[in-house]
Amino acid sequence: MSIVGGLDVHRQQITFDYVDADTGLVRRGKLAPADRTSLREWLATFRGLDAKFAVEGCTGWRFVAEECARAGVRIHLADPGDAAAARGRKRHAKTDQLDARHLRQLLAEGRLPESWIPPEQVLEVRARVRLYKDLQDERGDWLQRVRATCFHQGLPARRALFTAEGRAWLETTDGLSDAGRQAVMVALRQLDRLDDELTELHRGLVAYARRQPGCRALWTQLYGVGGLTSVMIWAELGDTRRFSSSRHSVRHTGLDITVYSSDGKRARGHLARQGPPLLRWALFEAAKSAAKRTSPDHDYYAALAARVGANRATLAVARKLVRRAHHVLRELGDQAFAAA
């Protein structure tokens, strides 16, 4: 018996639609609650059968993929944007049942736009680097809040506001109202908490980069890529052997320029921004090092910065880094994702 199906995953339920390719019998339904236990019990009915299912790469796909692999069911991860585009331009009603059927039909016809399913260690590292970036963003919000409070209450601007001297000034200045002082003190305590969390995460990620061959190769071979950014690039870029060329790796990052041209008219290009945001951030941070005179890309960066500005020059260097990272990981082969 050959089973082909689609799964539409939501927080409350998982909608399924599958067909027996031998008899043509179609079955539809829902699993609730949408958790490992319910899914595991349902997948047990397919044990020993030639079954495969498609699921969109949205929140919740990880435990679905893990349970399918555990039950011996082949799982295919669909790119959400490309799967939606495969519906065509004609407007159709959209329900969970139709979404599951759409995935099943794409899989059966061999038209499913598949995404890479990372191994468990990559998924774990991805979760950690994204947590690091979320905490860093939260820290930036608290920094801005302190500066905004000081400005709103008429305190003079200070550049080194969060050094030991600056914090002592914040704690003793009489230019804040009671509510303003409370807001600043709460923010400083939150910053201390976040600094502790970020330090611990940073230490663990850099230690991982030293042990993992792919991260270590990016760290040592690419100028500007450090311990933290090497882990981010490694986890978010993934196995570059799935790309036919380095140009496709650039497209995956969302750093490529969109093009719209018709009848001799061409709209101004913009960054696609369709890839992982954290990957773009890590590459941009690494590419900033091209402004240093010791960088091998300094002449290229300086000439471009003089013509189009520093930000666009940094983006151009970031695209170069993607291509180099593509080849570094590709040349390592299976060793690029060996266990640390």
C-alpha atoms as a PDB file:
ATOM      1  CA  MET A   1       0.000   0.000   0.000  1.00  0.00           C
ATOM      2  CA  SER A   2       1.358   3.404  -1.008  1.00  0.00           C
ATOM      3  CA  ILE A   3       0.144   6.467   0.924  1.00  0.00           C
ATOM      4  CA  VAL A   4       0.604  10.081  -0.206  1.00  0.00           C
ATOM      5  CA  GLY A   5      -0.725  12.893   1.959  1.00  0.00           C
ATOM      6  CA  GLY A   6      -0.546  16.454   3.186  1.00  0.00           C
ATOM      7  CA  LEU A   7      -0.632  17.878   6.717  1.00  0.00           C
ATOM      8  CA  ASP A   8      -1.766  21.386   7.646  1.00  0.00           C
ATOM      9  CA  VAL A   9      -0.433  22.212  11.115  1.00  0.00           C
ATOM     10  CA  HIS A  10      -2.040  24.671  13.537  1.00  0.00           C
ATOM     11  CA  ARG A  11      -1.829  25.157  17.286  1.00  0.00           C
ATOM     12  CA  GLN A  12      -5.213  23.559  17.963  1.00  0.00           C
ATOM     13  CA  GLN A  13      -5.355  20.801  15.349  1.00  0.00           C
ATOM     14  CA  ILE A  14      -3.537  19.084  12.497  1.00  0.00           C
ATOM     15  CA  THR A  15      -5.608  18.618   9.357  1.00  0.00           C
ATOM     16  CA  PHE A  16      -4.710  15.627   7.183  1.00  0.00           C
ATOM     17  CA  ASP A  17      -5.576  14.622   3.649  1.00  0.00           C
ATOM     18  CA  TYR A  18      -4.104  11.437   2.199  1.00  0.00           C
ATOM     19  CA  VAL A  19      -4.817   9.005  -0.602  1.00  0.00           C
ATOM     20  CA  ASP A  20      -4.069   5.326  -1.112  1.00  0.00           C
ATOM     21  CA  ALA A  21      -2.260   5.410  -4.452  1.00  0.00           C
ATOM     22  CA  ASP A  22      -3.235   1.790  -5.146  1.00  0.00           C
ATOM     23  CA  THR A  23      -7.005   2.053  -4.570  1.00  0.00           C
ATOM     24  CA  GLY A  24      -7.558   5.793  -4.981  1.00  0.00           C
ATOM     25  CA  LEU A  25      -9.327   5.973  -1.606  1.00  0.00           C
ATOM     26  CA  VAL A  26      -9.037   9.451  -0.046  1.00  0.00           C
ATOM     27  CA  ARG A  27      -9.253  10.067   3.685  1.00  0.00           C
ATOM     28  CA  ARG A  28      -9.567  13.436   5.405  1.00  0.00           C
ATOM     29  CA  GLY A  29      -9.824  14.517   9.000  1.00  0.00           C
ATOM     30  CA  LYS A  30      -8.307  16.361  11.948  1.00  0.00           C
ATOM     31  CA  LEU A  31      -6.086  15.475  14.892  1.00  0.00           C
ATOM     32  CA  ALA A  32      -6.673  17.308  18.148  1.00  0.00           C
ATOM     33  CA  PRO A  33      -4.875  18.357  20.211  1.00  0.00           C
ATOM     34  CA  ALA A  34      -1.933  19.132  17.960  1.00  0.00           C
ATOM     35  CA  ASP A  35       0.793  17.510  20.056  1.00  0.00           C
ATOM     36  CA  ARG A  36       3.302  14.665  19.859  1.00  0.00           C
ATOM     37  CA  THR A  37       1.085  12.125  21.590  1.00  0.00           C
ATOM     38  CA  SER A  38      -1.893  12.526  19.255  1.00  0.00           C
ATOM     39  CA  LEU A  39       0.318  12.545  16.175  1.00  0.00           C
ATOM     40  CA  ARG A  40       2.322   9.517  17.340  1.00  0.00           C
ATOM     41  CA  GLU A  41      -0.821   7.461  17.878  1.00  0.00           C
ATOM     42  CA  TRP A  42      -2.179   8.422  14.459  1.00  0.00           C
ATOM     43  CA  LEU A  43       1.093   7.708  12.648  1.00  0.00           C
ATOM     44  CA  ALA A  44       1.209   4.235  14.174  1.00  0.00           C
ATOM     45  CA  THR A  45      -1.469   3.195  11.630  1.00  0.00           C
ATOM     46  CA  PHE A  46       1.069   3.742   8.814  1.00  0.00           C
ATOM     47  CA  ARG A  47       3.871   1.680  10.328  1.00  0.00           C
ATOM     48  CA  GLY A  48       5.221  -0.776   7.766  1.00  0.00           C
ATOM     49  CA  LEU A  49       3.510   1.008   4.841  1.00  0.00           C
ATOM     50  CA  ASP A  50       5.098   3.041   2.058  1.00  0.00           C
ATOM     51  CA  ALA A  51       3.801   6.396   3.317  1.00  0.00           C
ATOM     52  CA  LYS A  52       4.937   9.935   2.681  1.00  0.00           C
ATOM     53  CA  PHE A  53       3.493  13.270   3.786  1.00  0.00           C
ATOM     54  CA  ALA A  54       4.128  16.921   3.022  1.00  0.00           C
ATOM     55  CA  VAL A  55       4.022  19.730   5.582  1.00  0.00           C
ATOM     56  CA  GLU A  56       4.700  23.445   5.229  1.00  0.00           C
ATOM     57  CA  GLY A  57       7.824  24.841   6.858  1.00  0.00           C
ATOM     58  CA  CYS A  58       5.911  26.995   9.349  1.00  0.00           C
ATOM     59  CA  THR A  59       5.938  26.959  13.154  1.00  0.00           C
ATOM     60  CA  GLY A  60       5.283  23.435  14.400  1.00  0.00           C
ATOM     61  CA  TRP A  61       6.850  21.479  11.549  1.00  0.00           C
ATOM     62  CA  ARG A  62       9.761  20.241  13.684  1.00  0.00           C
ATOM     63  CA  PHE A  63       7.861  17.878  15.966  1.00  0.00           C
ATOM     64  CA  VAL A  64       5.791  16.656  12.997  1.00  0.00           C
ATOM     65  CA  ALA A  65       8.958  15.793  11.067  1.00  0.00           C
ATOM     66  CA  GLU A  66      10.524  14.101  14.084  1.00  0.00           C
ATOM     67  CA  GLU A  67       7.460  11.957  14.764  1.00  0.00           C
ATOM     68  CA  CYS A  68       7.137  10.974  11.100  1.00  0.00           C
ATOM     69  CA  ALA A  69      10.776   9.893  11.031  1.00  0.00           C
ATOM     70  CA  ARG A  70      10.227   7.936  14.244  1.00  0.00           C
ATOM     71  CA  ALA A  71       7.276   6.097  12.675  1.00  0.00           C
ATOM     72  CA  GLY A  72       9.149   5.352   9.445  1.00  0.00           C
ATOM     73  CA  VAL A  73       7.020   7.770   7.431  1.00  0.00           C
ATOM     74  CA  ARG A  74       8.813   9.926   4.855  1.00  0.00           C
ATOM     75  CA  ILE A  75       8.271  13.622   5.445  1.00  0.00           C
ATOM     76  CA  HIS A  76       8.711  16.396   2.878  1.00  0.00           C
ATOM     77  CA  LEU A  77       9.060  20.011   4.018  1.00  0.00           C
ATOM     78  CA  ALA A  78       7.449  22.536   1.669  1.00  0.00           C
ATOM     79  CA  ASP A  79       8.518  26.141   1.253  1.00  0.00           C
ATOM     80  CA  PRO A  80       5.416  28.124   2.357  1.00  0.00           C
ATOM     81  CA  GLY A  81       5.809  30.948  -0.153  1.00  0.00           C
ATOM     82  CA  ASP A  82       6.456  28.732  -3.152  1.00  0.00           C
ATOM     83  CA  ALA A  83       3.692  26.334  -2.125  1.00  0.00           C
ATOM     84  CA  ALA A  84       1.226  29.231  -2.025  1.00  0.00           C
ATOM     85  CA  ALA A  85       2.475  30.488  -5.400  1.00  0.00           C
ATOM     86  CA  ALA A  86       1.837  27.024  -6.864  1.00  0.00           C
ATOM     87  CA  ARG A  87      -1.890  27.653  -6.439  1.00  0.00           C
ATOM     88  CA  GLY A  88      -1.736  30.035  -9.376  1.00  0.00           C
ATOM     89  CA  ARG A  89      -3.207  33.509  -9.746  1.00  0.00           C
ATOM     90  CA  LYS A  90      -6.842  32.411  -9.653  1.00  0.00           C
ATOM     91  CA  ARG A  91      -8.477  33.127  -6.298  1.00  0.00           C
ATOM     92  CA  HIS A  92      -9.752  30.091  -4.428  1.00  0.00           C
ATOM     93  CA  ALA A  93     -11.362  29.576  -1.060  1.00  0.00           C
ATOM     94  CA  LYS A  94      -8.726  28.849   1.589  1.00  0.00           C
ATOM     95  CA  THR A  95      -9.401  26.373   4.368  1.00  0.00           C
ATOM     96  CA  ASP A  96      -7.242  23.974   6.358  1.00  0.00           C
ATOM     97  CA  GLN A  97      -8.717  21.066   4.420  1.00  0.00           C
ATOM     98  CA  LEU A  98      -7.907  22.663   1.077  1.00  0.00           C
ATOM     99  CA  ASP A  99      -4.379  23.490   2.241  1.00  0.00           C
ATOM    100  CA  ALA A 100      -3.767  19.850   3.199  1.00  0.00           C
ATOM    101  CA  ARG A 101      -5.177  18.665  -0.136  1.00  0.00           C
ATOM    102  CA  HIS A 102      -3.026  21.183  -2.006  1.00  0.00           C
ATOM    103  CA  LEU A 103       0.137  19.847  -0.342  1.00  0.00           C
ATOM    104  CA  ARG A 104      -0.913  16.279  -1.077  1.00  0.00           C
ATOM    105  CA  GLN A 105      -1.500  17.053  -4.760  1.00  0.00           C
ATOM    106  CA  LEU A 106       1.836  18.864  -5.113  1.00  0.00           C
ATOM    107  CA  LEU A 107       3.639  15.920  -3.519  1.00  0.00           C
ATOM    108  CA  ALA A 108       1.843  13.349  -5.653  1.00  0.00           C
ATOM    109  CA  GLU A 109       2.593  15.286  -8.849  1.00  0.00           C
ATOM    110  CA  GLY A 110       6.247  15.845  -7.959  1.00  0.00           C
ATOM    111  CA  ARG A 111       5.804  19.627  -7.875  1.00  0.00           C
ATOM    112  CA  LEU A 112       6.315  20.216  -4.160  1.00  0.00           C
ATOM    113  CA  PRO A 113       8.825  23.076  -3.563  1.00  0.00           C
ATOM    114  CA  GLU A 114      10.928  21.297  -0.965  1.00  0.00           C
ATOM    115  CA  SER A 115      13.019  22.835   1.787  1.00  0.00           C
ATOM    116  CA  TRP A 116      15.984  21.319   3.575  1.00  0.00           C
ATOM    117  CA  ILE A 117      15.251  19.448   6.809  1.00  0.00           C
ATOM    118  CA  PRO A 118      18.257  20.105   9.081  1.00  0.00           C
ATOM    119  CA  PRO A 119      19.641  17.435  11.411  1.00  0.00           C
ATOM    120  CA  GLU A 120      18.803  17.716  15.093  1.00  0.00           C
ATOM    121  CA  GLN A 121      22.050  19.385  16.139  1.00  0.00           C
ATOM    122  CA  VAL A 122      21.486  22.181  13.591  1.00  0.00           C
ATOM    123  CA  LEU A 123      17.933  22.702  14.844  1.00  0.00           C
ATOM    124  CA  GLU A 124      19.204  22.937  18.409  1.00  0.00           C
ATOM    125  CA  VAL A 125      21.894  25.469  17.482  1.00  0.00           C
ATOM    126  CA  ARG A 126      19.383  27.479  15.447  1.00  0.00           C
ATOM    127  CA  ALA A 127      17.162  27.748  18.498  1.00  0.00           C
ATOM    128  CA  ARG A 128      20.083  29.026  20.569  1.00  0.00           C
ATOM    129  CA  VAL A 129      21.380  31.612  18.088  1.00  0.00           C
ATOM    130  CA  ARG A 130      17.853  32.942  17.546  1.00  0.00           C
ATOM    131  CA  LEU A 131      17.405  33.195  21.296  1.00  0.00           C
ATOM    132  CA  TYR A 132      20.684  35.138  21.463  1.00  0.00           C
ATOM    133  CA  LYS A 133      19.499  37.598  18.813  1.00  0.00           C
ATOM    134  CA  ASP A 134      16.099  38.018  20.508  1.00  0.00           C
ATOM    135  CA  LEU A 135      17.789  38.828  23.818  1.00  0.00           C
ATOM    136  CA  GLN A 136      20.156  41.227  22.082  1.00  0.00           C
ATOM    137  CA  ASP A 137      17.219  43.011  20.439  1.00  0.00           C
ATOM    138  CA  GLU A 138      15.470  43.242  23.808  1.00  0.00           C
ATOM    139  CA  ARG A 139      18.641  44.711  25.310  1.00  0.00           C
ATOM    140  CA  GLY A 140      18.707  47.343  22.570  1.00  0.00           C
ATOM    141  CA  ASP A 141      15.086  48.250  23.348  1.00  0.00           C
ATOM    142  CA  TRP A 142      15.921  48.836  27.031  1.00  0.00           C
ATOM    143  CA  LEU A 143      18.939  50.971  26.085  1.00  0.00           C
ATOM    144  CA  GLN A 144      16.761  53.138  23.886  1.00  0.00           C
ATOM    145  CA  ARG A 145      14.145  53.381  26.616  1.00  0.00           C
ATOM    146  CA  VAL A 146      16.681  54.787  29.085  1.00  0.00           C
ATOM    147  CA  ARG A 147      17.931  57.352  26.579  1.00  0.00           C
ATOM    148  CA  ALA A 148      14.372  58.350  25.682  1.00  0.00           C
ATOM    149  CA  THR A 149      13.459  58.803  29.354  1.00  0.00           C
ATOM    150  CA  CYS A 150      16.515  60.971  29.968  1.00  0.00           C
ATOM    151  CA  PHE A 151      15.801  63.133  26.941  1.00  0.00           C
ATOM    152  CA  HIS A 152      12.099  63.431  27.785  1.00  0.00           C
ATOM    153  CA  GLN A 153      13.013  64.767  31.225  1.00  0.00           C
ATOM    154  CA  GLY A 154      15.592  67.212  29.906  1.00  0.00           C
ATOM    155  CA  LEU A 155      18.865  65.572  30.926  1.00  0.00           C
ATOM    156  CA  PRO A 156      21.954  66.381  28.847  1.00  0.00           C
ATOM    157  CA  ALA A 157      22.958  63.814  26.238  1.00  0.00           C
ATOM    158  CA  ARG A 158      25.869  61.578  27.238  1.00  0.00           C
ATOM    159  CA  ARG A 159      27.675  59.243  24.880  1.00  0.00           C
ATOM    160  CA  ALA A 160      29.009  56.735  27.424  1.00  0.00           C
ATOM    161  CA  LEU A 161      25.758  56.421  29.338  1.00  0.00           C
ATOM    162  CA  PHE A 162      26.094  52.725  30.193  1.00  0.00           C
ATOM    163  CA  THR A 163      29.674  52.619  31.418  1.00  0.00           C
ATOM    164  CA  ALA A 164      30.332  52.420  35.164  1.00  0.00           C
ATOM    165  CA  GLU A 165      30.671  56.204  35.283  1.00  0.00           C
ATOM    166  CA  GLY A 166      27.528  56.764  33.229  1.00  0.00           C
ATOM    167  CA  ARG A 167      25.457  54.405  35.362  1.00  0.00           C
ATOM    168  CA  ALA A 168      26.670  56.090  38.545  1.00  0.00           C
ATOM    169  CA  TRP A 169      25.542  59.408  37.086  1.00  0.00           C
ATOM    170  CA  LEU A 170      22.120  57.958  36.226  1.00  0.00           C
ATOM    171  CA  GLU A 171      21.690  56.675  39.774  1.00  0.00           C
ATOM    172  CA  THR A 172      22.635  59.955  41.449  1.00  0.00           C
ATOM    173  CA  THR A 173      21.363  62.683  39.110  1.00  0.00           C
ATOM    174  CA  ASP A 174      18.576  64.858  40.467  1.00  0.00           C
ATOM    175  CA  GLY A 175      17.212  65.669  37.011  1.00  0.00           C
ATOM    176  CA  LEU A 176      14.755  62.752  36.995  1.00  0.00           C
ATOM    177  CA  SER A 177      11.290  62.711  38.479  1.00  0.00           C
ATOM    178  CA  ASP A 178      10.317  59.841  40.775  1.00  0.00           C
ATOM    179  CA  ALA A 179       8.611  57.971  37.941  1.00  0.00           C
ATOM    180  CA  GLY A 180      11.513  58.660  35.595  1.00  0.00           C
ATOM    181  CA  ARG A 181      14.036  57.385  38.135  1.00  0.00           C
ATOM    182  CA  GLN A 182      11.954  54.245  38.667  1.00  0.00           C
ATOM    183  CA  ALA A 183      11.840  53.649  34.900  1.00  0.00           C
ATOM    184  CA  VAL A 184      15.611  54.038  34.614  1.00  0.00           C
ATOM    185  CA  MET A 185      16.344  51.760  37.587  1.00  0.00           C
ATOM    186  CA  VAL A 186      14.044  49.047  36.256  1.00  0.00           C
ATOM    187  CA  ALA A 187      15.752  49.312  32.847  1.00  0.00           C
ATOM    188  CA  LEU A 188      19.219  49.021  34.385  1.00  0.00           C
ATOM    189  CA  ARG A 189      18.190  45.878  36.283  1.00  0.00           C
ATOM    190  CA  GLN A 190      16.799  44.385  33.077  1.00  0.00           C
ATOM    191  CA  LEU A 191      20.056  45.218  31.284  1.00  0.00           C
ATOM    192  CA  ASP A 192      22.051  43.436  33.995  1.00  0.00           C
ATOM    193  CA  ARG A 193      19.816  40.380  33.644  1.00  0.00           C
ATOM    194  CA  LEU A 194      20.132  40.359  29.865  1.00  0.00           C
ATOM    195  CA  ASP A 195      23.902  40.817  30.009  1.00  0.00           C
ATOM    196  CA  ASP A 196      24.188  37.727  32.198  1.00  0.00           C
ATOM    197  CA  GLU A 197      22.039  35.656  29.832  1.00  0.00           C
ATOM    198  CA  LEU A 198      23.880  36.907  26.731  1.00  0.00           C
ATOM    199  CA  THR A 199      27.293  36.228  28.259  1.00  0.00           C
ATOM    200  CA  GLU A 200      26.348  32.643  29.058  1.00  0.00           C
ATOM    201  CA  LEU A 201      24.850  32.029  25.599  1.00  0.00           C
ATOM    202  CA  HIS A 202      27.802  33.663  23.858  1.00  0.00           C
ATOM    203  CA  ARG A 203      30.273  31.509  25.780  1.00  0.00           C
ATOM    204  CA  GLY A 204      28.441  28.302  24.844  1.00  0.00           C
ATOM    205  CA  LEU A 205      28.060  29.195  21.162  1.00  0.00           C
ATOM    206  CA  VAL A 206      31.706  30.175  20.732  1.00  0.00           C
ATOM    207  CA  ALA A 207      32.790  26.956  22.453  1.00  0.00           C
ATOM    208  CA  TYR A 208      30.576  25.031  20.025  1.00  0.00           C
ATOM    209  CA  ALA A 209      32.150  26.860  17.067  1.00  0.00           C
ATOM    210  CA  ARG A 210      35.603  25.746  18.202  1.00  0.00           C
ATOM    211  CA  ARG A 211      34.549  22.074  18.219  1.00  0.00           C
ATOM    212  CA  GLN A 212      32.319  21.873  15.123  1.00  0.00           C
ATOM    213  CA  PRO A 213      34.285  21.462  11.830  1.00  0.00           C
ATOM    214  CA  GLY A 214      31.968  23.566   9.647  1.00  0.00           C
ATOM    215  CA  CYS A 215      31.841  26.481  12.086  1.00  0.00           C
ATOM    216  CA  ARG A 216      35.580  26.300  12.659  1.00  0.00           C
ATOM    217  CA  ALA A 217      36.264  26.408   8.906  1.00  0.00           C
ATOM    218  CA  LEU A 218      34.088  29.495   8.450  1.00  0.00           C
ATOM    219  CA  TRP A 219      35.749  31.147  11.457  1.00  0.00           C
ATOM    220  CA  THR A 220      39.305  30.518  10.300  1.00  0.00           C
ATOM    221  CA  GLN A 221      38.932  30.933   6.525  1.00  0.00           C
ATOM    222  CA  LEU A 222      36.627  33.955   6.155  1.00  0.00           C
ATOM    223  CA  TYR A 223      37.901  37.373   7.197  1.00  0.00           C
ATOM    224  CA  GLY A 224      35.424  39.123   9.482  1.00  0.00           C
ATOM    225  CA  VAL A 225      33.617  35.964  10.559  1.00  0.00           C
ATOM    226  CA  GLY A 226      34.079  35.393  14.273  1.00  0.00           C
ATOM    227  CA  GLY A 227      33.087  32.681  16.710  1.00  0.00           C
ATOM    228  CA  LEU A 228      29.490  33.833  17.137  1.00  0.00           C
ATOM    229  CA  THR A 229      28.800  34.794  13.523  1.00  0.00           C
ATOM    230  CA  SER A 230      30.325  31.538  12.264  1.00  0.00           C
ATOM    231  CA  VAL A 231      27.739  29.553  14.242  1.00  0.00           C
ATOM    232  CA  MET A 232      24.921  31.777  12.970  1.00  0.00           C
ATOM    233  CA  ILE A 233      25.981  31.468   9.333  1.00  0.00           C
ATOM    234  CA  TRP A 234      26.541  27.716   9.651  1.00  0.00           C
ATOM    235  CA  ALA A 235      23.149  27.072  11.265  1.00  0.00           C
ATOM    236  CA  GLU A 236      21.062  29.371   9.057  1.00  0.00           C
ATOM    237  CA  LEU A 237      22.772  28.758   5.696  1.00  0.00           C
ATOM    238  CA  GLY A 238      22.720  24.990   6.132  1.00  0.00           C
ATOM    239  CA  ASP A 239      24.026  22.342   3.767  1.00  0.00           C
ATOM    240  CA  THR A 240      25.100  24.256   0.643  1.00  0.00           C
ATOM    241  CA  ARG A 241      25.235  21.049  -1.416  1.00  0.00           C
ATOM    242  CA  ARG A 242      21.503  21.486  -1.931  1.00  0.00           C
ATOM    243  CA  PHE A 243      22.250  24.604  -4.015  1.00  0.00           C
ATOM    244  CA  SER A 244      23.504  24.132  -7.564  1.00  0.00           C
ATOM    245  CA  SER A 245      25.656  27.280  -7.367  1.00  0.00           C
ATOM    246  CA  SER A 246      26.758  29.961  -4.927  1.00  0.00           C
ATOM    247  CA  ARG A 247      24.305  32.330  -6.622  1.00  0.00           C
ATOM    248  CA  HIS A 248      21.464  30.268  -5.181  1.00  0.00           C
ATOM    249  CA  SER A 249      23.014  30.565  -1.719  1.00  0.00           C
ATOM    250  CA  VAL A 250      22.904  34.337  -2.094  1.00  0.00           C
ATOM    251  CA  ARG A 251      19.253  34.087  -3.084  1.00  0.00           C
ATOM    252  CA  HIS A 252      18.559  31.960  -0.010  1.00  0.00           C
ATOM    253  CA  THR A 253      19.889  34.723   2.240  1.00  0.00           C
ATOM    254  CA  GLY A 254      17.534  37.341   0.792  1.00  0.00           C
ATOM    255  CA  LEU A 255      20.507  39.607  -0.004  1.00  0.00           C
ATOM    256  CA  ASP A 256      19.850  39.408  -3.743  1.00  0.00           C
ATOM    257  CA  ILE A 257      18.291  42.369  -5.557  1.00  0.00           C
ATOM    258  CA  THR A 258      14.758  42.040  -6.888  1.00  0.00           C
ATOM    259  CA  VAL A 259      14.193  42.947 -10.529  1.00  0.00           C
ATOM    260  CA  TYR A 260      10.990  44.057 -12.207  1.00  0.00           C
ATOM    261  CA  SER A 261      11.252  44.874 -15.907  1.00  0.00           C
ATOM    262  CA  SER A 262       8.578  45.249 -18.553  1.00  0.00           C
ATOM    263  CA  ASP A 263       8.615  46.814 -22.031  1.00  0.00           C
ATOM    264  CA  GLY A 264      11.938  48.533 -21.538  1.00  0.00           C
ATOM    265  CA  LYS A 265      10.973  49.940 -18.138  1.00  0.00           C
ATOM    266  CA  ARG A 266      12.807  48.721 -15.082  1.00  0.00           C
ATOM    267  CA  ALA A 267      11.762  49.382 -11.491  1.00  0.00           C
ATOM    268  CA  ARG A 268      14.415  50.201  -8.952  1.00  0.00           C
ATOM    269  CA  GLY A 269      15.696  47.067  -7.243  1.00  0.00           C
ATOM    270  CA  HIS A 270      15.372  46.300  -3.542  1.00  0.00           C
ATOM    271  CA  LEU A 271      16.671  43.554  -1.282  1.00  0.00           C
ATOM    272  CA  ALA A 272      14.520  40.460  -1.569  1.00  0.00           C
ATOM    273  CA  ARG A 273      14.635  39.856   2.229  1.00  0.00           C
ATOM    274  CA  GLN A 274      13.092  36.398   1.744  1.00  0.00           C
ATOM    275  CA  GLY A 275      15.710  34.396   3.608  1.00  0.00           C
ATOM    276  CA  PRO A 276      16.442  34.000   7.329  1.00  0.00           C
ATOM    277  CA  PRO A 277      16.719  37.474   8.942  1.00  0.00           C
ATOM    278  CA  LEU A 278      19.376  36.260  11.379  1.00  0.00           C
ATOM    279  CA  LEU A 279      21.561  35.070   8.498  1.00  0.00           C
ATOM    280  CA  ARG A 280      21.404  38.496   6.847  1.00  0.00           C
ATOM    281  CA  TRP A 281      22.259  40.169  10.153  1.00  0.00           C
ATOM    282  CA  ALA A 282      25.264  37.902  10.775  1.00  0.00           C
ATOM    283  CA  LEU A 283      26.599  38.400   7.251  1.00  0.00           C
ATOM    284  CA  PHE A 284      26.173  42.169   7.454  1.00  0.00           C
ATOM    285  CA  GLU A 285      27.999  42.270  10.796  1.00  0.00           C
ATOM    286  CA  ALA A 286      30.831  40.187   9.359  1.00  0.00           C
ATOM    287  CA  ALA A 287      30.983  42.325   6.212  1.00  0.00           C
ATOM    288  CA  LYS A 288      31.485  45.492   8.272  1.00  0.00           C
ATOM    289  CA  SER A 289      35.060  44.334   8.822  1.00  0.00           C
ATOM    290  CA  ALA A 290      35.774  45.161   5.168  1.00  0.00           C
ATOM    291  CA  ALA A 291      36.136  48.781   6.278  1.00  0.00           C
ATOM    292  CA  LYS A 292      39.377  47.765   8.022  1.00  0.00           C
ATOM    293  CA  ARG A 293      42.525  48.304   5.993  1.00  0.00           C
ATOM    294  CA  THR A 294      43.726  44.782   6.759  1.00  0.00           C
ATOM    295  CA  SER A 295      40.654  43.277   5.089  1.00  0.00           C
ATOM    296  CA  PRO A 296      41.240  41.561   1.728  1.00  0.00           C
ATOM    297  CA  ASP A 297      38.062  43.286   0.518  1.00  0.00           C
ATOM    298  CA  HIS A 298      39.045  46.770   1.691  1.00  0.00           C
ATOM    299  CA  ASP A 299      39.884  48.187  -1.751  1.00  0.00           C
ATOM    300  CA  TYR A 300      36.656  46.813  -3.213  1.00  0.00           C
ATOM    301  CA  TYR A 301      34.661  48.145  -0.260  1.00  0.00           C
ATOM    302  CA  ALA A 302      36.302  51.597  -0.333  1.00  0.00           C
ATOM    303  CA  ALA A 303      35.743  52.078  -4.068  1.00  0.00           C
ATOM    304  CA  LEU A 304      32.110  50.997  -3.788  1.00  0.00           C
ATOM    305  CA  ALA A 305      31.471  53.038  -0.633  1.00  0.00           C
ATOM    306  CA  ALA A 306      32.726  56.176  -2.343  1.00  0.00           C
ATOM    307  CA  ARG A 307      30.272  55.599  -5.180  1.00  0.00           C
ATOM    308  CA  VAL A 308      27.105  54.228  -3.540  1.00  0.00           C
ATOM    309  CA  GLY A 309      27.579  54.627   0.221  1.00  0.00           C
ATOM    310  CA  ALA A 310      28.837  52.479   3.096  1.00  0.00           C
ATOM    311  CA  ASN A 311      25.666  50.433   3.647  1.00  0.00           C
ATOM    312  CA  ARG A 312      25.360  49.270   0.046  1.00  0.00           C
ATOM    313  CA  ALA A 313      29.082  48.549  -0.078  1.00  0.00           C
ATOM    314  CA  THR A 314      28.754  46.419   3.063  1.00  0.00           C
ATOM    315  CA  LEU A 315      25.865  44.510   1.486  1.00  0.00           C
ATOM    316  CA  ALA A 316      28.013  43.826  -1.570  1.00  0.00           C
ATOM    317  CA  VAL A 317      30.765  42.409   0.647  1.00  0.00           C
ATOM    318  CA  ALA A 318      28.139  40.349   2.506  1.00  0.00           C
ATOM    319  CA  ARG A 319      27.146  38.737  -0.791  1.00  0.00           C
ATOM    320  CA  LYS A 320      30.802  37.877  -1.387  1.00  0.00           C
ATOM    321  CA  LEU A 321      30.944  36.258   2.054  1.00  0.00           C
ATOM    322  CA  VAL A 322      27.913  34.114   1.244  1.00  0.00           C
ATOM    323  CA  ARG A 323      29.584  32.797  -1.891  1.00  0.00           C
ATOM    324  CA  ARG A 324      32.775  31.997   0.015  1.00  0.00           C
ATOM    325  CA  ALA A 325      30.836  30.312   2.813  1.00  0.00           C
ATOM    326  CA  HIS A 326      28.988  28.266   0.179  1.00  0.00           C
ATOM    327  CA  HIS A 327      32.258  26.871  -1.168  1.00  0.00           C
ATOM    328  CA  VAL A 328      33.874  26.372   2.254  1.00  0.00           C
ATOM    329  CA  LEU A 329      30.980  24.231   3.502  1.00  0.00           C
ATOM    330  CA  ARG A 330      30.576  22.440   0.192  1.00  0.00           C
ATOM    331  CA  GLU A 331      34.222  21.395   0.118  1.00  0.00           C
ATOM    332  CA  LEU A 332      33.944  19.941   3.622  1.00  0.00           C
ATOM    333  CA  GLY A 333      31.167  17.621   2.482  1.00  0.00           C
ATOM    334  CA  ASP A 334      29.620  15.533   5.255  1.00  0.00           C
ATOM    335  CA  GLN A 335      32.238  16.804   7.681  1.00  0.00           C
ATOM    336  CA  ALA A 336      30.653  20.277   7.537  1.00  0.00           C
ATOM    337  CA  PHE A 337      27.779  19.042   9.698  1.00  0.00           C
ATOM    338  CA  ALA A 338      29.580  16.430  11.748  1.00  0.00           C
ATOM    339  CA  ALA A 339      28.623  16.308  15.396  1.00  0.00           C
ATOM    340  CA  ALA A 340      30.638  18.621  17.604  1.00  0.00           C
END
